[in-house]
Amino acid sequence: MVSTKELSKDTRNKIVDLHQQLGVKKSTVGAIIRKWKTYKITDNPPRSGAPRKISPRGVKMIPRTVEKFKGV
């Protein structure tokens, strides 16, 4: 087994303080660290698929417009 160096209490306290100051969940911190170890990046990766052609406001407007002109 590989032995790892334990962090000092001071270092662990600094990590916890930073997490609390930033207001970020522990799981988020862990996910960022895992992504850094795997890909050596902290940016969000590009999303798959094409972007939406219509805005959320437009999506809400379509049913209202259809109802408005239903009898025409």
C-alpha atoms as a PDB file:
ATOM      1  CA  MET A   1       0.000   0.000   0.000  1.00  0.00           C
ATOM      2  CA  VAL A   2       1.034   3.543  -0.622  1.00  0.00           C
ATOM      3  CA  SER A   3       1.445   5.608   2.482  1.00  0.00           C
ATOM      4  CA  THR A   4       0.376   9.220   2.310  1.00  0.00           C
ATOM      5  CA  LYS A   5       1.625  12.139   4.275  1.00  0.00           C
ATOM      6  CA  GLU A   6      -0.918  13.359   6.791  1.00  0.00           C
ATOM      7  CA  LEU A   7      -1.872  17.002   6.725  1.00  0.00           C
ATOM      8  CA  SER A   8      -1.187  19.051   9.792  1.00  0.00           C
ATOM      9  CA  LYS A   9      -4.095  20.270  11.872  1.00  0.00           C
ATOM     10  CA  ASP A  10      -3.282  23.835  10.835  1.00  0.00           C
ATOM     11  CA  THR A  11      -3.473  22.952   7.129  1.00  0.00           C
ATOM     12  CA  ARG A  12      -6.779  21.123   7.573  1.00  0.00           C
ATOM     13  CA  ASN A  13      -8.206  24.091   9.477  1.00  0.00           C
ATOM     14  CA  LYS A  14      -7.148  26.445   6.666  1.00  0.00           C
ATOM     15  CA  ILE A  15      -8.924  24.239   4.125  1.00  0.00           C
ATOM     16  CA  VAL A  16     -12.111  24.219   6.199  1.00  0.00           C
ATOM     17  CA  ASP A  17     -11.921  27.998   6.706  1.00  0.00           C
ATOM     18  CA  LEU A  18     -11.569  28.596   2.955  1.00  0.00           C
ATOM     19  CA  HIS A  19     -14.520  26.305   2.233  1.00  0.00           C
ATOM     20  CA  GLN A  20     -16.662  28.238   4.723  1.00  0.00           C
ATOM     21  CA  GLN A  21     -15.521  31.666   3.481  1.00  0.00           C
ATOM     22  CA  LEU A  22     -16.374  30.783  -0.098  1.00  0.00           C
ATOM     23  CA  GLY A  23     -19.731  29.296   0.887  1.00  0.00           C
ATOM     24  CA  VAL A  24     -19.126  26.216  -1.247  1.00  0.00           C
ATOM     25  CA  LYS A  25     -20.284  22.719  -0.327  1.00  0.00           C
ATOM     26  CA  LYS A  26     -17.688  20.094   0.529  1.00  0.00           C
ATOM     27  CA  SER A  27     -18.879  17.924  -2.352  1.00  0.00           C
ATOM     28  CA  THR A  28     -18.253  20.810  -4.768  1.00  0.00           C
ATOM     29  CA  VAL A  29     -14.727  21.261  -3.449  1.00  0.00           C
ATOM     30  CA  GLY A  30     -14.125  17.523  -3.881  1.00  0.00           C
ATOM     31  CA  ALA A  31     -15.506  17.559  -7.428  1.00  0.00           C
ATOM     32  CA  ILE A  32     -13.252  20.461  -8.413  1.00  0.00           C
ATOM     33  CA  ILE A  33     -10.211  18.696  -6.979  1.00  0.00           C
ATOM     34  CA  ARG A  34     -11.095  15.432  -8.763  1.00  0.00           C
ATOM     35  CA  LYS A  35     -11.520  17.305 -12.060  1.00  0.00           C
ATOM     36  CA  TRP A  36      -8.162  19.004 -11.537  1.00  0.00           C
ATOM     37  CA  LYS A  37      -6.452  15.662 -10.882  1.00  0.00           C
ATOM     38  CA  THR A  38      -8.030  14.075 -13.951  1.00  0.00           C
ATOM     39  CA  TYR A  39      -7.962  16.842 -16.566  1.00  0.00           C
ATOM     40  CA  LYS A  40      -5.634  19.506 -15.091  1.00  0.00           C
ATOM     41  CA  ILE A  41      -8.277  22.166 -15.709  1.00  0.00           C
ATOM     42  CA  THR A  42     -10.731  24.069 -13.560  1.00  0.00           C
ATOM     43  CA  ASP A  43     -12.835  25.529 -16.395  1.00  0.00           C
ATOM     44  CA  ASN A  44     -16.188  24.029 -17.255  1.00  0.00           C
ATOM     45  CA  PRO A  45     -15.885  21.697 -20.257  1.00  0.00           C
ATOM     46  CA  PRO A  46     -17.822  22.549 -23.426  1.00  0.00           C
ATOM     47  CA  ARG A  47     -21.360  21.247 -23.353  1.00  0.00           C
ATOM     48  CA  SER A  48     -22.521  18.625 -25.799  1.00  0.00           C
ATOM     49  CA  GLY A  49     -25.248  19.452 -28.274  1.00  0.00           C
ATOM     50  CA  ALA A  50     -26.363  22.640 -29.908  1.00  0.00           C
ATOM     51  CA  PRO A  51     -27.507  25.646 -27.869  1.00  0.00           C
ATOM     52  CA  ARG A  52     -31.230  26.334 -27.560  1.00  0.00           C
ATOM     53  CA  LYS A  53     -32.718  28.278 -30.476  1.00  0.00           C
ATOM     54  CA  ILE A  54     -35.434  29.840 -28.345  1.00  0.00           C
ATOM     55  CA  SER A  55     -35.135  31.591 -25.008  1.00  0.00           C
ATOM     56  CA  PRO A  56     -37.015  30.424 -21.894  1.00  0.00           C
ATOM     57  CA  ARG A  57     -39.220  33.499 -22.264  1.00  0.00           C
ATOM     58  CA  GLY A  58     -40.078  32.468 -25.822  1.00  0.00           C
ATOM     59  CA  VAL A  59     -40.947  28.943 -24.676  1.00  0.00           C
ATOM     60  CA  LYS A  60     -43.475  30.374 -22.202  1.00  0.00           C
ATOM     61  CA  MET A  61     -44.904  32.700 -24.832  1.00  0.00           C
ATOM     62  CA  ILE A  62     -45.750  29.959 -27.371  1.00  0.00           C
ATOM     63  CA  PRO A  63     -48.644  28.319 -25.433  1.00  0.00           C
ATOM     64  CA  ARG A  64     -50.117  31.744 -24.612  1.00  0.00           C
ATOM     65  CA  THR A  65     -50.018  32.744 -28.281  1.00  0.00           C
ATOM     66  CA  VAL A  66     -51.591  29.449 -29.377  1.00  0.00           C
ATOM     67  CA  GLU A  67     -54.430  29.864 -26.853  1.00  0.00           C
ATOM     68  CA  LYS A  68     -54.929  33.476 -27.922  1.00  0.00           C
ATOM     69  CA  PHE A  69     -55.350  32.590 -31.606  1.00  0.00           C
ATOM     70  CA  LYS A  70     -57.009  29.178 -31.125  1.00  0.00           C
ATOM     71  CA  GLY A  71     -60.362  30.229 -32.581  1.00  0.00           C
ATOM     72  CA  VAL A  72     -58.914  32.058 -35.591  1.00  0.00           C
END
